[in-house]
Amino acid sequence: MFEMVDPLPGALRLKMPGFVIAWRIVDLVLCALRTLELPFIILLLVLLGDVQNSRQALFVADCRLVLWLEFGFATAISAVGLTGNIAMLCRRNWSQYFCFVSALITLVNFGIAVWQTMLLCRTEPPELLCFAIIAITLFIMLRTAFLVFDLIALFKARRFFKERDGY
């Protein structure tokens, strides 16, 4: 009876997919939480600066290095991720490069999480070792799921920009 007619035949779809918009908002919140983490990392670095016990000096030196790396990665993820997500929500084509770099930095940051667990396993009592391994396994599984969702959203966005801009 009623037939659906395309109002502009041959026109490109200008609406970004809903999954991309939803995931960019979630990732924007996650990057903002990373930004809130930075003052706490700085506080830990200041507190670890005054260790006098020579027995714990090697462990503290390793912790400082891990914290500096975590600080660098958190800063990079915050800066690149916030920029990419805001630009993606504004439908800027160059935003996908920022989002891909943010995903790559997140992937590299997994190594720091594993290294933190190895440091903990070296110094903590064996009773806590099982809990540390379980915690880091769950953490990596959760972040891997987030990374998969992020990559799905990025490929959907890439297809959207390709259709919209025609290249």
Foldseek 3Di string as FASTA:
>chain_A
DDDDDDPDPPDFDPDADPLLLVLLVVLLVVLVVLVVCLVVLVVVLVVLVDDDDPVCPVLSVVVNVLSVVSNVLSVLLNVLSNVLSVVVNVVDPVSLVSLVVSLVSLVVCLVSLVVVLVSCCVPPDPVCNVVSVVVNVVVVVVSVVSSVSSVVSSVSSNVSCCRNVVD
